[in-house]
Amino acid sequence: MTPPSPVPPFSPRAGPADVFQGLGLLFRAGSLIFRTPALKRLSALCAAVTLVALGALFALLWRYAPDLLGWLWTRPTPWYGQALWYLVLVLMFLVLLVVGANVLVPVVLAPLQDPLSELTEAQCGGYSPPPFRLGSFLQGLATSLGHTLARVLLLVLGLAVIFPLNLVPVVGSMAWTVLGTLWTMLWLAGEHLAAPMTRHQYPFSEVRRVLRQRWLLCLGFGAGVYVLLWVPLLNSLFLPVAVVGGTLLYRGLLAVGNVPPPPSSGLLGK
């Protein structure tokens, strides 16, 4: 019996149900990973690389965090001063561990994200990964870098625009938190949608257009990724789910005509 296509059956028109369909992409992605041996192996490799990177980061901080704090603040002699010093050390260690994990892990996993996305598209059908060519690789690398810088700039600009709300006592800070969270969720969706679109050489303006046109769908997906990111330390282990989910989002939008056929020739048909 032929398994059902993993391409999500989106409606060609936006609607309130888009939020739940976007959120459901994470469950669809997890299901696809567990029933596809190649995706499962690559996801397991991502998890193994993540654990090694986190272990190295933990060991590095365990060794050098006391020296760093000692350079900033000499350890006091009185017992109460030492108690406070060690409390600050623990807090600093945890903060550096979380920040380092969210910076280091995506960097070391970057070479595995495109193969993971390509395997997902192969499961969707009508796609054949192109053979490796140095020129195409360098062009894709330059495009990816440009898209990444544009996405980061878009995130910062969005947060900067609403930052003055903090000047309004109480209510302003609450409004900034809510709007900033919603903006970050939408940005996360764009981050993972842009990965397969960049690989197919779409311009970044096309990614922005899709985010505007199907913002509820993207917001639902981004909300799910946002929640996963709040799982302490284990959040990076969920990166394959987000990558696969972003690729399924792209293929679903392509299937209903919300995204035009790709400029690249890797897609053989819808």
C-alpha atoms as a PDB file:
ATOM      1  CA  MET A   1       0.000   0.000   0.000  1.00  0.00           C
ATOM      2  CA  THR A   2       1.409   3.388  -1.042  1.00  0.00           C
ATOM      3  CA  PRO A   3       1.817   5.730   1.936  1.00  0.00           C
ATOM      4  CA  PRO A   4      -0.043   9.056   1.708  1.00  0.00           C
ATOM      5  CA  SER A   5       1.828  12.038   0.368  1.00  0.00           C
ATOM      6  CA  PRO A   6       3.412  14.117   3.138  1.00  0.00           C
ATOM      7  CA  VAL A   7       2.566  17.334   1.249  1.00  0.00           C
ATOM      8  CA  PRO A   8       0.088  19.200   3.475  1.00  0.00           C
ATOM      9  CA  PRO A   9      -3.315  19.830   1.822  1.00  0.00           C
ATOM     10  CA  PHE A  10      -3.540  23.586   2.277  1.00  0.00           C
ATOM     11  CA  SER A  11      -6.428  25.631   0.999  1.00  0.00           C
ATOM     12  CA  PRO A  12      -5.380  28.043  -1.780  1.00  0.00           C
ATOM     13  CA  ARG A  13      -7.089  30.844   0.152  1.00  0.00           C
ATOM     14  CA  ALA A  14      -6.146  32.113   3.586  1.00  0.00           C
ATOM     15  CA  GLY A  15      -8.521  31.492   6.477  1.00  0.00           C
ATOM     16  CA  PRO A  16      -8.678  31.208  10.280  1.00  0.00           C
ATOM     17  CA  ALA A  17      -7.951  27.460  10.117  1.00  0.00           C
ATOM     18  CA  ASP A  18      -4.489  28.302   8.745  1.00  0.00           C
ATOM     19  CA  VAL A  19      -3.170  28.769  12.282  1.00  0.00           C
ATOM     20  CA  PHE A  20      -3.965  25.162  13.231  1.00  0.00           C
ATOM     21  CA  GLN A  21      -2.682  23.805   9.912  1.00  0.00           C
ATOM     22  CA  GLY A  22       0.584  25.651  10.462  1.00  0.00           C
ATOM     23  CA  LEU A  23       0.906  24.275  13.983  1.00  0.00           C
ATOM     24  CA  GLY A  24       0.120  20.781  12.690  1.00  0.00           C
ATOM     25  CA  LEU A  25       3.140  20.927  10.378  1.00  0.00           C
ATOM     26  CA  LEU A  26       5.376  20.003  13.323  1.00  0.00           C
ATOM     27  CA  PHE A  27       3.421  16.803  13.966  1.00  0.00           C
ATOM     28  CA  ARG A  28       3.408  16.024  10.238  1.00  0.00           C
ATOM     29  CA  ALA A  29       7.182  16.602  10.122  1.00  0.00           C
ATOM     30  CA  GLY A  30       7.805  14.385  13.165  1.00  0.00           C
ATOM     31  CA  SER A  31       5.676  11.620  11.682  1.00  0.00           C
ATOM     32  CA  LEU A  32       7.528  11.831   8.356  1.00  0.00           C
ATOM     33  CA  ILE A  33      10.903  11.612  10.107  1.00  0.00           C
ATOM     34  CA  PHE A  34       9.949   8.525  12.115  1.00  0.00           C
ATOM     35  CA  ARG A  35       8.545   6.611   9.146  1.00  0.00           C
ATOM     36  CA  THR A  36      11.375   7.496   6.727  1.00  0.00           C
ATOM     37  CA  PRO A  37      14.624   5.633   7.493  1.00  0.00           C
ATOM     38  CA  ALA A  38      16.863   8.115   5.664  1.00  0.00           C
ATOM     39  CA  LEU A  39      15.322  11.096   7.458  1.00  0.00           C
ATOM     40  CA  LYS A  40      15.505   9.240  10.760  1.00  0.00           C
ATOM     41  CA  ARG A  41      19.208   8.494  10.265  1.00  0.00           C
ATOM     42  CA  LEU A  42      20.029  12.078   9.297  1.00  0.00           C
ATOM     43  CA  SER A  43      17.973  13.442  12.203  1.00  0.00           C
ATOM     44  CA  ALA A  44      19.802  11.058  14.543  1.00  0.00           C
ATOM     45  CA  LEU A  45      23.097  12.347  13.138  1.00  0.00           C
ATOM     46  CA  CYS A  46      21.918  15.908  13.824  1.00  0.00           C
ATOM     47  CA  ALA A  47      21.068  14.873  17.394  1.00  0.00           C
ATOM     48  CA  ALA A  48      24.482  13.215  17.841  1.00  0.00           C
ATOM     49  CA  VAL A  49      26.334  16.258  16.505  1.00  0.00           C
ATOM     50  CA  THR A  50      24.246  18.449  18.802  1.00  0.00           C
ATOM     51  CA  LEU A  51      25.048  16.353  21.853  1.00  0.00           C
ATOM     52  CA  VAL A  52      28.780  16.415  21.052  1.00  0.00           C
ATOM     53  CA  ALA A  53      28.690  20.182  20.536  1.00  0.00           C
ATOM     54  CA  LEU A  54      26.771  20.706  23.792  1.00  0.00           C
ATOM     55  CA  GLY A  55      29.150  18.387  25.651  1.00  0.00           C
ATOM     56  CA  ALA A  56      32.152  20.321  24.370  1.00  0.00           C
ATOM     57  CA  LEU A  57      30.498  23.608  25.300  1.00  0.00           C
ATOM     58  CA  PHE A  58      29.680  22.309  28.793  1.00  0.00           C
ATOM     59  CA  ALA A  59      33.259  21.140  29.347  1.00  0.00           C
ATOM     60  CA  LEU A  60      34.672  24.434  28.072  1.00  0.00           C
ATOM     61  CA  LEU A  61      32.459  26.502  30.372  1.00  0.00           C
ATOM     62  CA  TRP A  62      33.101  24.181  33.328  1.00  0.00           C
ATOM     63  CA  ARG A  63      36.815  24.748  32.873  1.00  0.00           C
ATOM     64  CA  TYR A  64      36.913  28.463  32.113  1.00  0.00           C
ATOM     65  CA  ALA A  65      33.774  30.046  33.647  1.00  0.00           C
ATOM     66  CA  PRO A  66      35.397  30.373  37.117  1.00  0.00           C
ATOM     67  CA  ASP A  67      38.431  32.056  35.551  1.00  0.00           C
ATOM     68  CA  LEU A  68      36.175  34.421  33.606  1.00  0.00           C
ATOM     69  CA  LEU A  69      34.226  35.411  36.707  1.00  0.00           C
ATOM     70  CA  GLY A  70      37.475  35.707  38.685  1.00  0.00           C
ATOM     71  CA  TRP A  71      38.778  38.115  36.057  1.00  0.00           C
ATOM     72  CA  LEU A  72      35.610  40.215  36.369  1.00  0.00           C
ATOM     73  CA  TRP A  73      35.247  39.898  40.145  1.00  0.00           C
ATOM     74  CA  THR A  74      37.946  38.604  42.490  1.00  0.00           C
ATOM     75  CA  ARG A  75      36.566  35.901  44.771  1.00  0.00           C
ATOM     76  CA  PRO A  76      35.913  37.447  48.209  1.00  0.00           C
ATOM     77  CA  THR A  77      37.427  36.074  51.418  1.00  0.00           C
ATOM     78  CA  PRO A  78      34.382  36.175  53.787  1.00  0.00           C
ATOM     79  CA  TRP A  79      32.086  33.142  53.600  1.00  0.00           C
ATOM     80  CA  TYR A  80      29.024  35.213  52.722  1.00  0.00           C
ATOM     81  CA  GLY A  81      30.956  36.905  49.910  1.00  0.00           C
ATOM     82  CA  GLN A  82      32.067  33.516  48.583  1.00  0.00           C
ATOM     83  CA  ALA A  83      28.475  32.237  48.750  1.00  0.00           C
ATOM     84  CA  LEU A  84      27.337  35.173  46.604  1.00  0.00           C
ATOM     85  CA  TRP A  85      30.299  34.689  44.245  1.00  0.00           C
ATOM     86  CA  TYR A  86      29.393  31.025  43.650  1.00  0.00           C
ATOM     87  CA  LEU A  87      25.738  31.944  43.119  1.00  0.00           C
ATOM     88  CA  VAL A  88      26.773  34.422  40.447  1.00  0.00           C
ATOM     89  CA  LEU A  89      29.050  31.758  38.958  1.00  0.00           C
ATOM     90  CA  VAL A  90      26.161  29.292  38.640  1.00  0.00           C
ATOM     91  CA  LEU A  91      23.911  31.913  37.050  1.00  0.00           C
ATOM     92  CA  MET A  92      26.642  33.014  34.652  1.00  0.00           C
ATOM     93  CA  PHE A  93      27.379  29.395  33.731  1.00  0.00           C
ATOM     94  CA  LEU A  94      23.701  28.718  32.917  1.00  0.00           C
ATOM     95  CA  VAL A  95      23.294  31.902  30.876  1.00  0.00           C
ATOM     96  CA  LEU A  96      26.468  31.232  28.864  1.00  0.00           C
ATOM     97  CA  LEU A  97      25.414  27.617  28.336  1.00  0.00           C
ATOM     98  CA  VAL A  98      21.983  28.541  26.969  1.00  0.00           C
ATOM     99  CA  VAL A  99      23.270  31.398  24.803  1.00  0.00           C
ATOM    100  CA  GLY A 100      26.183  29.322  23.554  1.00  0.00           C
ATOM    101  CA  ALA A 101      23.901  26.398  22.705  1.00  0.00           C
ATOM    102  CA  ASN A 102      21.622  28.606  20.613  1.00  0.00           C
ATOM    103  CA  VAL A 103      24.589  30.083  18.734  1.00  0.00           C
ATOM    104  CA  LEU A 104      26.899  27.088  18.399  1.00  0.00           C
ATOM    105  CA  VAL A 105      24.422  24.335  17.496  1.00  0.00           C
ATOM    106  CA  PRO A 106      22.875  25.990  14.404  1.00  0.00           C
ATOM    107  CA  VAL A 107      26.382  26.723  13.134  1.00  0.00           C
ATOM    108  CA  VAL A 108      27.653  23.139  13.438  1.00  0.00           C
ATOM    109  CA  LEU A 109      24.405  21.752  11.995  1.00  0.00           C
ATOM    110  CA  ALA A 110      24.314  24.113   9.013  1.00  0.00           C
ATOM    111  CA  PRO A 111      25.924  21.593   6.576  1.00  0.00           C
ATOM    112  CA  LEU A 112      23.229  19.018   7.461  1.00  0.00           C
ATOM    113  CA  GLN A 113      20.194  21.239   6.976  1.00  0.00           C
ATOM    114  CA  ASP A 114      20.134  21.277   3.162  1.00  0.00           C
ATOM    115  CA  PRO A 115      20.466  17.457   2.877  1.00  0.00           C
ATOM    116  CA  LEU A 116      17.641  17.128   5.415  1.00  0.00           C
ATOM    117  CA  SER A 117      15.466  19.483   3.380  1.00  0.00           C
ATOM    118  CA  GLU A 118      16.329  17.716   0.127  1.00  0.00           C
ATOM    119  CA  LEU A 119      15.419  14.315   1.591  1.00  0.00           C
ATOM    120  CA  THR A 120      12.103  15.773   2.714  1.00  0.00           C
ATOM    121  CA  GLU A 121      11.360  17.071  -0.781  1.00  0.00           C
ATOM    122  CA  ALA A 122      12.270  13.708  -2.273  1.00  0.00           C
ATOM    123  CA  GLN A 123       9.609  12.129  -0.023  1.00  0.00           C
ATOM    124  CA  CYS A 124       7.108  14.694  -1.301  1.00  0.00           C
ATOM    125  CA  GLY A 125       7.655  13.470  -4.854  1.00  0.00           C
ATOM    126  CA  GLY A 126       8.527  15.239  -8.074  1.00  0.00           C
ATOM    127  CA  TYR A 127      11.948  16.301  -6.859  1.00  0.00           C
ATOM    128  CA  SER A 128      15.411  15.081  -7.700  1.00  0.00           C
ATOM    129  CA  PRO A 129      18.428  16.616  -5.916  1.00  0.00           C
ATOM    130  CA  PRO A 130      20.734  18.173  -8.526  1.00  0.00           C
ATOM    131  CA  PRO A 131      24.282  16.856  -8.907  1.00  0.00           C
ATOM    132  CA  PHE A 132      26.978  18.774  -7.076  1.00  0.00           C
ATOM    133  CA  ARG A 133      28.530  21.600  -9.076  1.00  0.00           C
ATOM    134  CA  LEU A 134      31.014  24.021  -7.547  1.00  0.00           C
ATOM    135  CA  GLY A 135      29.568  27.042  -9.337  1.00  0.00           C
ATOM    136  CA  SER A 136      26.023  26.264  -8.202  1.00  0.00           C
ATOM    137  CA  PHE A 137      27.262  25.593  -4.687  1.00  0.00           C
ATOM    138  CA  LEU A 138      29.040  28.968  -4.467  1.00  0.00           C
ATOM    139  CA  GLN A 139      26.032  30.768  -5.943  1.00  0.00           C
ATOM    140  CA  GLY A 140      23.726  29.069  -3.447  1.00  0.00           C
ATOM    141  CA  LEU A 141      26.107  29.921  -0.597  1.00  0.00           C
ATOM    142  CA  ALA A 142      26.140  33.602  -1.583  1.00  0.00           C
ATOM    143  CA  THR A 143      22.351  33.664  -1.915  1.00  0.00           C
ATOM    144  CA  SER A 144      21.925  31.931   1.436  1.00  0.00           C
ATOM    145  CA  LEU A 145      24.230  34.432   3.150  1.00  0.00           C
ATOM    146  CA  GLY A 146      22.344  37.352   1.630  1.00  0.00           C
ATOM    147  CA  HIS A 147      18.999  35.897   2.715  1.00  0.00           C
ATOM    148  CA  THR A 148      20.292  35.265   6.235  1.00  0.00           C
ATOM    149  CA  LEU A 149      21.495  38.848   6.627  1.00  0.00           C
ATOM    150  CA  ALA A 150      18.190  40.134   5.252  1.00  0.00           C
ATOM    151  CA  ARG A 151      16.181  37.959   7.650  1.00  0.00           C
ATOM    152  CA  VAL A 152      18.214  39.037  10.673  1.00  0.00           C
ATOM    153  CA  LEU A 153      17.846  42.680   9.641  1.00  0.00           C
ATOM    154  CA  LEU A 154      14.091  42.187   9.239  1.00  0.00           C
ATOM    155  CA  LEU A 155      13.814  40.699  12.743  1.00  0.00           C
ATOM    156  CA  VAL A 156      15.806  43.524  14.341  1.00  0.00           C
ATOM    157  CA  LEU A 157      13.928  46.239  12.445  1.00  0.00           C
ATOM    158  CA  GLY A 158      10.561  44.790  13.433  1.00  0.00           C
ATOM    159  CA  LEU A 159      11.506  44.706  17.106  1.00  0.00           C
ATOM    160  CA  ALA A 160      13.024  48.200  16.890  1.00  0.00           C
ATOM    161  CA  VAL A 161       9.838  49.667  15.409  1.00  0.00           C
ATOM    162  CA  ILE A 162       7.717  48.526  18.363  1.00  0.00           C
ATOM    163  CA  PHE A 163      10.394  49.139  21.015  1.00  0.00           C
ATOM    164  CA  PRO A 164       9.132  52.666  21.865  1.00  0.00           C
ATOM    165  CA  LEU A 165       6.036  51.007  23.350  1.00  0.00           C
ATOM    166  CA  ASN A 166       8.202  50.333  26.413  1.00  0.00           C
ATOM    167  CA  LEU A 167       8.071  54.064  27.165  1.00  0.00           C
ATOM    168  CA  VAL A 168       4.399  53.668  28.068  1.00  0.00           C
ATOM    169  CA  PRO A 169       4.267  52.504  31.721  1.00  0.00           C
ATOM    170  CA  VAL A 170       3.056  48.908  32.371  1.00  0.00           C
ATOM    171  CA  VAL A 171       0.709  48.562  29.391  1.00  0.00           C
ATOM    172  CA  GLY A 172       3.417  49.501  26.889  1.00  0.00           C
ATOM    173  CA  SER A 173       5.820  46.813  28.100  1.00  0.00           C
ATOM    174  CA  MET A 174       3.059  44.204  27.977  1.00  0.00           C
ATOM    175  CA  ALA A 175       2.111  45.255  24.448  1.00  0.00           C
ATOM    176  CA  TRP A 176       5.756  45.153  23.344  1.00  0.00           C
ATOM    177  CA  THR A 177       6.150  41.644  24.764  1.00  0.00           C
ATOM    178  CA  VAL A 178       3.047  40.349  22.969  1.00  0.00           C
ATOM    179  CA  LEU A 179       3.798  42.037  19.643  1.00  0.00           C
ATOM    180  CA  GLY A 180       7.483  41.125  19.845  1.00  0.00           C
ATOM    181  CA  THR A 181       6.595  37.476  20.468  1.00  0.00           C
ATOM    182  CA  LEU A 182       4.189  37.418  17.510  1.00  0.00           C
ATOM    183  CA  TRP A 183       6.793  39.062  15.277  1.00  0.00           C
ATOM    184  CA  THR A 184       9.439  36.538  16.374  1.00  0.00           C
ATOM    185  CA  MET A 185       7.042  33.645  15.651  1.00  0.00           C
ATOM    186  CA  LEU A 186       6.413  34.960  12.148  1.00  0.00           C
ATOM    187  CA  TRP A 187      10.142  35.473  11.666  1.00  0.00           C
ATOM    188  CA  LEU A 188      10.885  31.875  12.718  1.00  0.00           C
ATOM    189  CA  ALA A 189       8.444  30.646  10.087  1.00  0.00           C
ATOM    190  CA  GLY A 190      10.196  32.776   7.492  1.00  0.00           C
ATOM    191  CA  GLU A 191      13.572  31.477   8.650  1.00  0.00           C
ATOM    192  CA  HIS A 192      12.637  27.849   7.964  1.00  0.00           C
ATOM    193  CA  LEU A 193      10.521  28.574   4.874  1.00  0.00           C
ATOM    194  CA  ALA A 194      13.380  30.528   3.346  1.00  0.00           C
ATOM    195  CA  ALA A 195      15.762  27.548   3.597  1.00  0.00           C
ATOM    196  CA  PRO A 196      14.164  25.447   0.804  1.00  0.00           C
ATOM    197  CA  MET A 197      13.221  28.571  -1.160  1.00  0.00           C
ATOM    198  CA  THR A 198      16.818  29.786  -1.074  1.00  0.00           C
ATOM    199  CA  ARG A 199      17.953  26.372  -2.274  1.00  0.00           C
ATOM    200  CA  HIS A 200      15.601  26.769  -5.258  1.00  0.00           C
ATOM    201  CA  GLN A 201      16.979  30.279  -5.906  1.00  0.00           C
ATOM    202  CA  TYR A 202      13.832  32.254  -5.106  1.00  0.00           C
ATOM    203  CA  PRO A 203      14.535  35.926  -4.348  1.00  0.00           C
ATOM    204  CA  PHE A 204      14.015  37.015  -0.749  1.00  0.00           C
ATOM    205  CA  SER A 205      11.180  39.296  -1.915  1.00  0.00           C
ATOM    206  CA  GLU A 206       9.217  36.132  -2.726  1.00  0.00           C
ATOM    207  CA  VAL A 207       9.661  34.862   0.833  1.00  0.00           C
ATOM    208  CA  ARG A 208       8.343  38.181   2.166  1.00  0.00           C
ATOM    209  CA  ARG A 209       5.371  38.035  -0.198  1.00  0.00           C
ATOM    210  CA  VAL A 210       4.434  34.541   1.005  1.00  0.00           C
ATOM    211  CA  LEU A 211       4.697  35.641   4.637  1.00  0.00           C
ATOM    212  CA  ARG A 212       2.299  38.513   3.938  1.00  0.00           C
ATOM    213  CA  GLN A 213      -0.143  36.443   1.888  1.00  0.00           C
ATOM    214  CA  ARG A 214      -0.349  33.425   4.243  1.00  0.00           C
ATOM    215  CA  TRP A 215       0.644  35.067   7.521  1.00  0.00           C
ATOM    216  CA  LEU A 216      -1.792  33.061   9.667  1.00  0.00           C
ATOM    217  CA  LEU A 217      -0.437  29.784   8.318  1.00  0.00           C
ATOM    218  CA  CYS A 218       3.139  30.924   8.864  1.00  0.00           C
ATOM    219  CA  LEU A 219       2.268  32.285  12.308  1.00  0.00           C
ATOM    220  CA  GLY A 220       0.884  28.895  13.384  1.00  0.00           C
ATOM    221  CA  PHE A 221       4.034  27.115  12.226  1.00  0.00           C
ATOM    222  CA  GLY A 222       6.284  29.752  13.797  1.00  0.00           C
ATOM    223  CA  ALA A 223       4.377  29.487  17.090  1.00  0.00           C
ATOM    224  CA  GLY A 224       5.081  25.758  17.235  1.00  0.00           C
ATOM    225  CA  VAL A 225       8.781  26.288  16.548  1.00  0.00           C
ATOM    226  CA  TYR A 226       8.852  29.077  19.147  1.00  0.00           C
ATOM    227  CA  VAL A 227       7.438  26.761  21.818  1.00  0.00           C
ATOM    228  CA  LEU A 228       9.979  24.063  20.953  1.00  0.00           C
ATOM    229  CA  LEU A 229      12.781  26.575  21.347  1.00  0.00           C
ATOM    230  CA  TRP A 230      11.774  27.148  24.969  1.00  0.00           C
ATOM    231  CA  VAL A 231      12.514  23.541  25.960  1.00  0.00           C
ATOM    232  CA  PRO A 232      15.798  24.062  27.857  1.00  0.00           C
ATOM    233  CA  LEU A 233      18.890  22.741  26.044  1.00  0.00           C
ATOM    234  CA  LEU A 234      16.886  20.020  24.296  1.00  0.00           C
ATOM    235  CA  ASN A 235      15.506  22.707  21.985  1.00  0.00           C
ATOM    236  CA  SER A 236      18.352  22.206  19.498  1.00  0.00           C
ATOM    237  CA  LEU A 237      17.470  18.501  19.179  1.00  0.00           C
ATOM    238  CA  PHE A 238      14.180  19.590  17.614  1.00  0.00           C
ATOM    239  CA  LEU A 239      15.915  21.454  14.789  1.00  0.00           C
ATOM    240  CA  PRO A 240      15.358  18.603  12.271  1.00  0.00           C
ATOM    241  CA  VAL A 241      11.599  18.813  12.944  1.00  0.00           C
ATOM    242  CA  ALA A 242      11.635  22.547  12.199  1.00  0.00           C
ATOM    243  CA  VAL A 243      13.709  22.058   9.016  1.00  0.00           C
ATOM    244  CA  VAL A 244      11.418  19.294   7.737  1.00  0.00           C
ATOM    245  CA  GLY A 245       8.347  21.332   8.723  1.00  0.00           C
ATOM    246  CA  GLY A 246       9.598  24.379   6.835  1.00  0.00           C
ATOM    247  CA  THR A 247      10.181  22.258   3.732  1.00  0.00           C
ATOM    248  CA  LEU A 248       6.667  20.786   3.974  1.00  0.00           C
ATOM    249  CA  LEU A 249       5.299  24.317   4.328  1.00  0.00           C
ATOM    250  CA  TYR A 250       7.052  25.291   1.101  1.00  0.00           C
ATOM    251  CA  ARG A 251       5.825  22.248  -0.811  1.00  0.00           C
ATOM    252  CA  GLY A 252       2.274  22.711   0.450  1.00  0.00           C
ATOM    253  CA  LEU A 253       2.221  26.335  -0.696  1.00  0.00           C
ATOM    254  CA  LEU A 254       3.753  25.316  -4.015  1.00  0.00           C
ATOM    255  CA  ALA A 255       1.069  22.654  -4.534  1.00  0.00           C
ATOM    256  CA  VAL A 256      -1.811  25.147  -4.150  1.00  0.00           C
ATOM    257  CA  GLY A 257      -0.176  27.840  -6.272  1.00  0.00           C
ATOM    258  CA  ASN A 258       0.680  30.307  -3.493  1.00  0.00           C
ATOM    259  CA  VAL A 259       4.322  29.936  -4.526  1.00  0.00           C
ATOM    260  CA  PRO A 260       5.282  30.006  -8.223  1.00  0.00           C
ATOM    261  CA  PRO A 261       7.421  27.233  -9.756  1.00  0.00           C
ATOM    262  CA  PRO A 262      11.049  27.564  -8.651  1.00  0.00           C
ATOM    263  CA  PRO A 263      13.674  29.301 -10.777  1.00  0.00           C
ATOM    264  CA  SER A 264      15.911  26.253 -10.270  1.00  0.00           C
ATOM    265  CA  SER A 265      15.399  23.029 -12.203  1.00  0.00           C
ATOM    266  CA  GLY A 266      15.484  20.656  -9.229  1.00  0.00           C
ATOM    267  CA  LEU A 267      11.700  20.320  -9.077  1.00  0.00           C
ATOM    268  CA  LEU A 268      10.479  18.000 -11.779  1.00  0.00           C
ATOM    269  CA  GLY A 269       6.812  18.691 -11.305  1.00  0.00           C
ATOM    270  CA  LYS A 270       4.152  19.301  -8.735  1.00  0.00           C
END
